[in-house]
C-alpha atoms as a PDB file:
ATOM      1  CA  MET A   1      -0.024  -0.168  -0.207  1.00  0.00           C
ATOM      2  CA  LEU A   2       1.010   3.581  -0.885  1.00  0.00           C
ATOM      3  CA  ARG A   3      -0.244   6.715   0.232  1.00  0.00           C
ATOM      4  CA  ARG A   4       0.916   9.710  -2.070  1.00  0.00           C
ATOM      5  CA  VAL A   5       0.614  12.953  -1.632  1.00  0.00           C
ATOM      6  CA  VAL A   6       1.032  16.057  -4.679  1.00  0.00           C
ATOM      7  CA  PHE A   7       1.423  19.206  -3.100  1.00  0.00           C
ATOM      8  CA  ARG A   8       1.477  22.864  -5.185  1.00  0.00           C
ATOM      9  CA  SER A   9       5.129  23.471  -6.225  1.00  0.00           C
ATOM     10  CA  GLY A  10       6.101  26.270  -3.757  1.00  0.00           C
ATOM     11  CA  THR A  11       2.893  26.211  -1.194  1.00  0.00           C
ATOM     12  CA  SER A  12       1.951  23.803   1.422  1.00  0.00           C
ATOM     13  CA  THR A  13      -1.528  23.425  -0.401  1.00  0.00           C
ATOM     14  CA  VAL A  14      -2.285  19.555  -0.859  1.00  0.00           C
ATOM     15  CA  LEU A  15      -4.129  19.163  -4.566  1.00  0.00           C
ATOM     16  CA  SER A  16      -4.381  15.339  -4.130  1.00  0.00           C
ATOM     17  CA  ASP A  17      -4.112  12.996  -1.071  1.00  0.00           C
ATOM     18  CA  ASP A  18      -5.292   9.316  -1.607  1.00  0.00           C
ATOM     19  CA  ILE A  19      -3.697   5.770  -1.050  1.00  0.00           C
ATOM     20  CA  PHE A  20      -3.268   2.761  -3.573  1.00  0.00           C
ATOM     21  CA  GLY A  21      -3.612  -0.854  -2.949  1.00  0.00           C
ATOM     22  CA  TYR A  22      -1.077  -3.491  -5.203  1.00  0.00           C
ATOM     23  CA  ASP A  23      -2.129  -6.715  -5.136  1.00  0.00           C
ATOM     24  CA  GLY A  24       1.607  -7.794  -7.094  1.00  0.00           C
ATOM     25  CA  ALA A  25       5.021  -7.051  -8.466  1.00  0.00           C
ATOM     26  CA  SER A  26       3.163  -4.934 -10.856  1.00  0.00           C
ATOM     27  CA  ASP A  27       3.124  -0.774 -10.462  1.00  0.00           C
ATOM     28  CA  SER A  28      -0.424  -1.024 -11.362  1.00  0.00           C
ATOM     29  CA  PRO A  29      -2.779  -0.667  -8.348  1.00  0.00           C
ATOM     30  CA  ALA A  30      -5.289  -2.909  -7.460  1.00  0.00           C
ATOM     31  CA  TYR A  31      -7.510  -0.538  -5.792  1.00  0.00           C
ATOM     32  CA  THR A  32      -7.496   3.923  -4.869  1.00  0.00           C
ATOM     33  CA  ARG A  33      -9.158   5.788  -2.223  1.00  0.00           C
ATOM     34  CA  PRO A  34      -8.629   8.762  -0.586  1.00  0.00           C
ATOM     35  CA  TYR A  35      -6.766   8.722   2.407  1.00  0.00           C
ATOM     36  CA  ALA A  36      -9.071  10.769   4.556  1.00  0.00           C
ATOM     37  CA  GLY A  37     -12.043   8.117   3.026  1.00  0.00           C
ATOM     38  CA  GLY A  38     -14.443   7.920   0.512  1.00  0.00           C
ATOM     39  CA  THR A  39     -14.901   6.468  -2.884  1.00  0.00           C
ATOM     40  CA  LEU A  40     -13.238   3.095  -3.473  1.00  0.00           C
ATOM     41  CA  THR A  41     -12.107   2.381  -6.939  1.00  0.00           C
ATOM     42  CA  THR A  42     -11.265  -1.151  -7.770  1.00  0.00           C
ATOM     43  CA  TYR A  43      -9.266  -1.745 -10.953  1.00  0.00           C
ATOM     44  CA  LEU A  44      -9.593  -5.168 -12.668  1.00  0.00           C
ATOM     45  CA  ALA A  45      -7.192  -6.074 -15.331  1.00  0.00           C
ATOM     46  CA  ALA A  46      -8.060  -8.660 -17.967  1.00  0.00           C
ATOM     47  CA  GLY A  47      -6.508  -8.497 -21.317  1.00  0.00           C
ATOM     48  CA  ALA A  48      -7.654  -6.388 -23.403  1.00  0.00           C
ATOM     49  CA  VAL A  49     -10.966  -5.690 -21.563  1.00  0.00           C
ATOM     50  CA  SER A  50     -10.746  -4.109 -18.002  1.00  0.00           C
ATOM     51  CA  ALA A  51     -12.896  -2.977 -15.400  1.00  0.00           C
ATOM     52  CA  ILE A  52     -13.327   0.146 -13.520  1.00  0.00           C
ATOM     53  CA  ASP A  53     -15.300  -0.642 -10.189  1.00  0.00           C
ATOM     54  CA  VAL A  54     -16.372   2.668  -8.233  1.00  0.00           C
ATOM     55  CA  ALA A  55     -18.681   2.563  -5.267  1.00  0.00           C
ATOM     56  CA  GLY A  56     -20.192  -0.841  -6.978  1.00  0.00           C
ATOM     57  CA  VAL A  57     -20.621   0.700 -10.663  1.00  0.00           C
ATOM     58  CA  VAL A  58     -18.869  -0.820 -13.177  1.00  0.00           C
ATOM     59  CA  THR A  59     -17.204   0.068 -16.245  1.00  0.00           C
ATOM     60  CA  TYR A  60     -15.611  -1.797 -19.039  1.00  0.00           C
ATOM     61  CA  GLN A  61     -12.760  -0.438 -20.743  1.00  0.00           C
ATOM     62  CA  HIS A  62     -11.609  -1.362 -23.976  1.00  0.00           C
ATOM     63  CA  ALA A  63      -8.182  -1.569 -25.454  1.00  0.00           C
ATOM     64  CA  ASN A  64      -6.408  -1.209 -28.767  1.00  0.00           C
ATOM     65  CA  ALA A  65      -3.198  -3.286 -29.989  1.00  0.00           C
ATOM     66  CA  HIS A  66      -1.222  -0.208 -28.875  1.00  0.00           C
ATOM     67  CA  GLY A  67      -3.133  -0.365 -25.154  1.00  0.00           C
ATOM     68  CA  ASP A  68      -4.627   2.496 -25.516  1.00  0.00           C
ATOM     69  CA  ILE A  69      -8.109   2.505 -24.114  1.00  0.00           C
ATOM     70  CA  VAL A  70     -10.718   3.091 -26.953  1.00  0.00           C
ATOM     71  CA  GLY A  71     -14.126   3.075 -25.585  1.00  0.00           C
ATOM     72  CA  THR A  72     -16.088   2.130 -22.522  1.00  0.00           C
ATOM     73  CA  THR A  73     -19.416  -0.181 -21.936  1.00  0.00           C
ATOM     74  CA  ASP A  74     -21.194   0.071 -19.074  1.00  0.00           C
ATOM     75  CA  THR A  75     -23.384  -2.904 -17.621  1.00  0.00           C
ATOM     76  CA  ALA A  76     -26.338  -2.803 -20.010  1.00  0.00           C
ATOM     77  CA  GLY A  77     -23.654  -2.865 -22.891  1.00  0.00           C
ATOM     78  CA  THR A  78     -24.199   1.012 -23.670  1.00  0.00           C
ATOM     79  CA  TRP A  79     -20.754   2.265 -25.623  1.00  0.00           C
ATOM     80  CA  THR A  80     -19.134   4.949 -25.115  1.00  0.00           C
ATOM     81  CA  PRO A  81     -15.994   6.071 -27.177  1.00  0.00           C
ATOM     82  CA  VAL A  82     -13.021   7.653 -25.900  1.00  0.00           C
ATOM     83  CA  VAL A  83     -11.036  10.292 -28.120  1.00  0.00           C
ATOM     84  CA  LEU A  84      -7.676   8.548 -29.311  1.00  0.00           C
ATOM     85  CA  ALA A  85      -4.652  10.394 -28.465  1.00  0.00           C
ATOM     86  CA  ASP A  86      -1.336   9.889 -31.368  1.00  0.00           C
ATOM     87  CA  GLU A  87       1.481   7.689 -30.989  1.00  0.00           C
ATOM     88  CA  TYR A  88       3.298   9.838 -28.641  1.00  0.00           C
ATOM     89  CA  GLY A  89       0.118  10.318 -26.460  1.00  0.00           C
ATOM     90  CA  VAL A  90      -1.526  13.975 -27.198  1.00  0.00           C
ATOM     91  CA  THR A  91      -5.185  13.744 -27.151  1.00  0.00           C
ATOM     92  CA  THR A  92      -7.803  16.683 -26.646  1.00  0.00           C
ATOM     93  CA  ALA A  93      -9.403  14.785 -24.002  1.00  0.00           C
ATOM     94  CA  ALA A  94      -8.541  12.967 -20.992  1.00  0.00           C
ATOM     95  CA  PRO A  95     -11.346  10.270 -20.110  1.00  0.00           C
ATOM     96  CA  SER A  96     -12.743  10.981 -16.835  1.00  0.00           C
ATOM     97  CA  SER A  97     -11.016   7.523 -15.433  1.00  0.00           C
ATOM     98  CA  ARG A  98      -7.794   9.434 -16.348  1.00  0.00           C
ATOM     99  CA  LEU A  99      -6.974   6.115 -18.678  1.00  0.00           C
ATOM    100  CA  GLY A 100      -6.833   6.754 -22.098  1.00  0.00           C
ATOM    101  CA  TRP A 101      -3.453   6.676 -24.379  1.00  0.00           C
ATOM    102  CA  LEU A 102      -1.840   2.931 -22.345  1.00  0.00           C
ATOM    103  CA  GLY A 103      -4.798   2.842 -20.221  1.00  0.00           C
ATOM    104  CA  GLN A 104      -4.656  -1.188 -20.556  1.00  0.00           C
ATOM    105  CA  GLN A 105      -1.226  -0.440 -18.372  1.00  0.00           C
ATOM    106  CA  GLN A 106      -2.658   1.705 -15.824  1.00  0.00           C
ATOM    107  CA  ARG A 107      -0.677   4.866 -16.981  1.00  0.00           C
ATOM    108  CA  PHE A 108      -2.764   7.501 -15.440  1.00  0.00           C
ATOM    109  CA  THR A 109      -2.947  11.068 -17.165  1.00  0.00           C
ATOM    110  CA  VAL A 110      -2.231  13.425 -13.877  1.00  0.00           C
ATOM    111  CA  GLY A 111      -1.583  17.576 -13.652  1.00  0.00           C
ATOM    112  CA  GLY A 112      -4.830  18.433 -14.875  1.00  0.00           C
ATOM    113  CA  ALA A 113      -4.627  20.611 -17.987  1.00  0.00           C
ATOM    114  CA  LEU A 114      -0.991  20.165 -18.190  1.00  0.00           C
ATOM    115  CA  GLY A 115      -2.205  16.553 -19.445  1.00  0.00           C
ATOM    116  CA  LEU A 116       1.011  14.656 -18.064  1.00  0.00           C
ATOM    117  CA  THR A 117       1.574  10.341 -17.818  1.00  0.00           C
ATOM    118  CA  ARG A 118       2.147   8.847 -15.023  1.00  0.00           C
ATOM    119  CA  MET A 119       5.104   6.529 -16.559  1.00  0.00           C
ATOM    120  CA  GLY A 120       6.383   4.444 -13.602  1.00  0.00           C
ATOM    121  CA  VAL A 121       8.919   6.354 -12.000  1.00  0.00           C
ATOM    122  CA  ARG A 122       8.927   9.509 -13.927  1.00  0.00           C
ATOM    123  CA  LEU A 123       6.400  12.109 -15.301  1.00  0.00           C
ATOM    124  CA  TYR A 124       5.810  11.967 -19.146  1.00  0.00           C
ATOM    125  CA  ASP A 125       4.804  14.859 -21.180  1.00  0.00           C
ATOM    126  CA  PRO A 126       3.305  13.875 -24.130  1.00  0.00           C
ATOM    127  CA  ARG A 127       3.164  17.596 -26.689  1.00  0.00           C
ATOM    128  CA  LEU A 128       6.896  17.513 -25.602  1.00  0.00           C
ATOM    129  CA  GLY A 129       7.907  13.359 -25.974  1.00  0.00           C
ATOM    130  CA  ARG A 130      10.176  13.683 -23.196  1.00  0.00           C
ATOM    131  CA  PHE A 131      10.084  12.721 -19.353  1.00  0.00           C
ATOM    132  CA  LEU A 132      10.561  15.807 -16.705  1.00  0.00           C
ATOM    133  CA  GLN A 133      13.167  14.096 -14.674  1.00  0.00           C
ATOM    134  CA  THR A 134      16.259  12.641 -16.178  1.00  0.00           C
ATOM    135  CA  ASP A 135      16.177   9.346 -16.898  1.00  0.00           C
ATOM    136  CA  PRO A 136      17.616   6.891 -13.375  1.00  0.00           C
ATOM    137  CA  ILE A 137      19.711   4.153 -16.110  1.00  0.00           C
ATOM    138  CA  GLN A 138      22.298   5.573 -17.678  1.00  0.00           C
ATOM    139  CA  GLY A 139      21.797   4.746 -21.395  1.00  0.00           C
ATOM    140  CA  GLY A 140      18.437   3.964 -20.682  1.00  0.00           C
ATOM    141  CA  SER A 141      17.530   6.028 -24.265  1.00  0.00           C
ATOM    142  CA  ALA A 142      19.003   7.985 -26.604  1.00  0.00           C
ATOM    143  CA  ASN A 143      19.357  10.782 -23.860  1.00  0.00           C
ATOM    144  CA  ASP A 144      18.293  11.639 -20.211  1.00  0.00           C
ATOM    145  CA  TYR A 145      14.243  12.741 -21.255  1.00  0.00           C
ATOM    146  CA  ASP A 146      13.975  11.006 -24.674  1.00  0.00           C
ATOM    147  CA  TYR A 147      11.101   8.424 -25.204  1.00  0.00           C
ATOM    148  CA  VAL A 148      12.016   5.715 -26.849  1.00  0.00           C
ATOM    149  CA  ALA A 149      14.380   6.635 -29.044  1.00  0.00           C
ATOM    150  CA  GLY A 150      11.419   8.434 -31.144  1.00  0.00           C
ATOM    151  CA  ASP A 151       9.349   5.269 -31.810  1.00  0.00           C
ATOM    152  CA  PRO A 152       6.681   5.111 -29.751  1.00  0.00           C
ATOM    153  CA  VAL A 153       4.629   3.129 -32.532  1.00  0.00           C
ATOM    154  CA  ASN A 154       6.975   0.171 -31.729  1.00  0.00           C
ATOM    155  CA  ASP A 155       8.360   0.917 -28.408  1.00  0.00           C
ATOM    156  CA  PHE A 156       7.374   1.141 -24.580  1.00  0.00           C
ATOM    157  CA  ASP A 157       8.978   2.485 -21.637  1.00  0.00           C
ATOM    158  CA  LEU A 158       6.171   2.159 -19.604  1.00  0.00           C
ATOM    159  CA  ALA A 159       8.596   2.321 -16.068  1.00  0.00           C
ATOM    160  CA  GLY A 160      10.363   5.773 -17.088  1.00  0.00           C
ATOM    161  CA  THR A 161      13.647   3.573 -16.925  1.00  0.00           C
ATOM    162  CA  PHE A 162      14.782   2.406 -20.362  1.00  0.00           C
ATOM    163  CA  SER A 163      12.733   1.181 -23.431  1.00  0.00           C
ATOM    164  CA  PHE A 164      11.903  -2.308 -24.040  1.00  0.00           C
ATOM    165  CA  LYS A 165      13.723  -2.806 -27.302  1.00  0.00           C
ATOM    166  CA  LYS A 166      16.915  -1.373 -26.265  1.00  0.00           C
ATOM    167  CA  PHE A 167      17.380  -3.585 -23.284  1.00  0.00           C
ATOM    168  CA  GLY A 168      16.479  -6.159 -25.559  1.00  0.00           C
ATOM    169  CA  ARG A 169      19.373  -5.236 -27.706  1.00  0.00           C
ATOM    170  CA  ARG A 170      21.558  -5.197 -24.985  1.00  0.00           C
ATOM    171  CA  LEU A 171      20.309  -8.585 -23.291  1.00  0.00           C
ATOM    172  CA  GLY A 172      20.700  -9.931 -27.419  1.00  0.00           C
ATOM    173  CA  ARG A 173      24.339  -8.495 -27.828  1.00  0.00           C
ATOM    174  CA  ILE A 174      25.266 -10.232 -24.390  1.00  0.00           C
ATOM    175  CA  ALA A 175      23.667 -13.620 -25.782  1.00  0.00           C
ATOM    176  CA  ARG A 176      25.721 -13.392 -29.055  1.00  0.00           C
ATOM    177  CA  TRP A 177      28.990 -12.440 -27.344  1.00  0.00           C
ATOM    178  CA  ALA A 178      29.046 -15.169 -24.719  1.00  0.00           C
ATOM    179  CA  ALA A 179      27.625 -17.712 -27.534  1.00  0.00           C
ATOM    180  CA  PRO A 180      31.342 -19.189 -28.013  1.00  0.00           C
ATOM    181  CA  ILE A 181      32.064 -19.305 -24.458  1.00  0.00           C
ATOM    182  CA  VAL A 182      29.556 -21.383 -23.819  1.00  0.00           C
ATOM    183  CA  GLY A 183      30.244 -23.739 -26.820  1.00  0.00           C
ATOM    184  CA  THR A 184      33.852 -23.824 -25.896  1.00  0.00           C
ATOM    185  CA  VAL A 185      33.051 -24.922 -22.010  1.00  0.00           C
ATOM    186  CA  ALA A 186      30.570 -27.325 -23.153  1.00  0.00           C
ATOM    187  CA  PHE A 187      33.082 -28.807 -25.547  1.00  0.00           C
ATOM    188  CA  ALA A 188      35.411 -28.708 -22.648  1.00  0.00           C
ATOM    189  CA  VAL A 189      33.569 -30.876 -20.139  1.00  0.00           C
ATOM    190  CA  CYS A 190      32.153 -33.602 -23.118  1.00  0.00           C
ATOM    191  CA  VAL A 191      36.194 -33.982 -24.057  1.00  0.00           C
ATOM    192  CA  ALA A 192      36.924 -34.312 -20.406  1.00  0.00           C
ATOM    193  CA  GLY A 193      34.647 -37.571 -20.398  1.00  0.00           C
ATOM    194  CA  THR A 194      35.702 -40.781 -21.365  1.00  0.00           C
ATOM    195  CA  GLY A 195      35.441 -41.026 -24.731  1.00  0.00           C
ATOM    196  CA  GLY A 196      33.538 -37.896 -25.228  1.00  0.00           C
ATOM    197  CA  LEU A 197      34.794 -36.282 -27.993  1.00  0.00           C
ATOM    198  CA  CYS A 198      32.285 -36.550 -30.399  1.00  0.00           C
ATOM    199  CA  GLY A 199      29.722 -35.554 -28.079  1.00  0.00           C
ATOM    200  CA  GLY A 200      31.898 -32.581 -26.713  1.00  0.00           C
ATOM    201  CA  LEU A 201      31.738 -31.321 -30.745  1.00  0.00           C
ATOM    202  CA  GLY A 202      27.847 -32.088 -31.222  1.00  0.00           C
ATOM    203  CA  LEU A 203      27.384 -30.467 -27.487  1.00  0.00           C
ATOM    204  CA  ALA A 204      29.375 -27.527 -28.604  1.00  0.00           C
ATOM    205  CA  ALA A 205      27.624 -26.722 -31.582  1.00  0.00           C
ATOM    206  CA  ALA A 206      23.860 -27.476 -30.528  1.00  0.00           C
ATOM    207  CA  ALA A 207      24.614 -24.468 -27.512  1.00  0.00           C
ATOM    208  CA  LEU A 208      26.629 -22.249 -30.168  1.00  0.00           C
ATOM    209  CA  SER A 209      22.899 -22.769 -32.020  1.00  0.00           C
ATOM    210  CA  ALA A 210      21.194 -22.259 -29.372  1.00  0.00           C
ATOM    211  CA  SER A 211      22.709 -19.719 -28.096  1.00  0.00           C
ATOM    212  CA  GLY A 212      22.319 -17.500 -31.836  1.00  0.00           C
ATOM    213  CA  ARG A 213      18.936 -18.598 -31.524  1.00  0.00           C
ATOM    214  CA  LEU A 214      18.313 -17.308 -28.130  1.00  0.00           C
ATOM    215  CA  ALA A 215      19.829 -13.635 -29.103  1.00  0.00           C
ATOM    216  CA  GLY A 216      17.848 -13.365 -31.652  1.00  0.00           C
ATOM    217  CA  CYS A 217      14.662 -14.010 -30.114  1.00  0.00           C
ATOM    218  CA  ILE A 218      15.374 -11.435 -27.526  1.00  0.00           C
ATOM    219  CA  ASP A 219      16.125  -8.598 -30.226  1.00  0.00           C
ATOM    220  CA  ARG A 220      13.251  -9.314 -32.000  1.00  0.00           C
ATOM    221  CA  CYS A 221      10.422 -10.149 -29.140  1.00  0.00           C
ATOM    222  CA  SER A 222      11.421  -7.616 -26.561  1.00  0.00           C
ATOM    223  CA  GLY A 223       8.690  -4.823 -27.548  1.00  0.00           C
ATOM    224  CA  GLY A 224       6.327  -7.327 -29.093  1.00  0.00           C
ATOM    225  CA  LEU A 225       4.950  -9.169 -26.144  1.00  0.00           C
ATOM    226  CA  LEU A 226       4.056  -6.010 -24.922  1.00  0.00           C
ATOM    227  CA  LYS A 227       2.589  -4.370 -27.141  1.00  0.00           C
ATOM    228  CA  ALA A 228       0.124  -7.125 -27.635  1.00  0.00           C
ATOM    229  CA  GLY A 229      -0.722  -7.109 -23.868  1.00  0.00           C
ATOM    230  CA  ALA A 230       1.068  -9.945 -23.187  1.00  0.00           C
ATOM    231  CA  LEU A 231       2.552  -8.342 -19.841  1.00  0.00           C
ATOM    232  CA  SER A 232       1.805  -5.726 -17.364  1.00  0.00           C
ATOM    233  CA  ALA A 233       4.554  -2.722 -16.561  1.00  0.00           C
ATOM    234  CA  GLY A 234       5.968  -4.118 -13.870  1.00  0.00           C
ATOM    235  CA  ASP A 235       6.724  -7.673 -14.780  1.00  0.00           C
ATOM    236  CA  PHE A 236       9.195  -6.821 -17.799  1.00  0.00           C
ATOM    237  CA  ALA A 237      12.961  -7.309 -16.438  1.00  0.00           C
ATOM    238  CA  LEU A 238      14.378 -10.500 -16.672  1.00  0.00           C
ATOM    239  CA  ASN A 239      11.580 -12.053 -14.887  1.00  0.00           C
ATOM    240  CA  TRP A 240       9.470 -11.597 -18.527  1.00  0.00           C
ATOM    241  CA  ALA A 241      12.772 -11.048 -21.009  1.00  0.00           C
ATOM    242  CA  GLY A 242      15.484 -14.025 -19.974  1.00  0.00           C
ATOM    243  CA  GLY A 243      12.238 -16.356 -19.345  1.00  0.00           C
ATOM    244  CA  GLY A 244      10.073 -15.481 -22.033  1.00  0.00           C
ATOM    245  CA  ALA A 245      12.949 -15.651 -24.946  1.00  0.00           C
ATOM    246  CA  ILE A 246      14.091 -18.641 -23.602  1.00  0.00           C
ATOM    247  CA  ARG A 247      11.107 -19.921 -24.065  1.00  0.00           C
ATOM    248  CA  GLY A 248      10.443 -19.259 -27.647  1.00  0.00           C
ATOM    249  CA  ALA A 249      14.298 -20.156 -28.459  1.00  0.00           C
ATOM    250  CA  VAL A 250      13.394 -23.654 -26.854  1.00  0.00           C
ATOM    251  CA  LYS A 251      10.294 -23.896 -29.403  1.00  0.00           C
ATOM    252  CA  GLY A 252      12.189 -23.198 -32.768  1.00  0.00           C
ATOM    253  CA  GLN A 253      14.665 -26.446 -31.804  1.00  0.00           C
END
């Protein structure tokens, strides 16, 4: 559980004081409510269709392939469209739920008329296409304030740390660099065994081949799974990039 208090800059005026509750490792809240008490809002995520329960009134949200909320329905099935944002998140009207651009990943708009988006550890300004704070990860993007190296259609930085594609490319380079070492070690281990020369050669070749496929899979897939809504913002790291890529490499055997 997290309490977030927002003050007006240079004053003691409180703009908001809310409690955020979480049910997992993701930074997407399971519920929110005012700290002083009041209406409880619950968020239920289920892929392309999610739901918001405000004091017992449920609204279903519908997302496109990019993860943007395109419209909502109530329990009677009444459709209400949401004004779509452009690729950088610029929109002429933010929905009352504050979930529009990347709303499937619960990237909330904040700041009222400023139209900012809370992207993990940083605030993002869609009109500038830039973060408002420096990148906490050195080399996370093209510069300290850039958003996904100018490619918001195919890439994401939901945590405000570094882009998925760049992270994937780095893992791919590491895998390619490690491939000869893996093959050499496998060869040496097998040759050390009794009569293991042929087995060592075969294992070395297989290790080199698998490592190459692993590198390629990481490089190609680092942005695709998230774009398809296959994971949430807080789940990417090694748990996704490593495990998912390895599974993909195994399937490619």
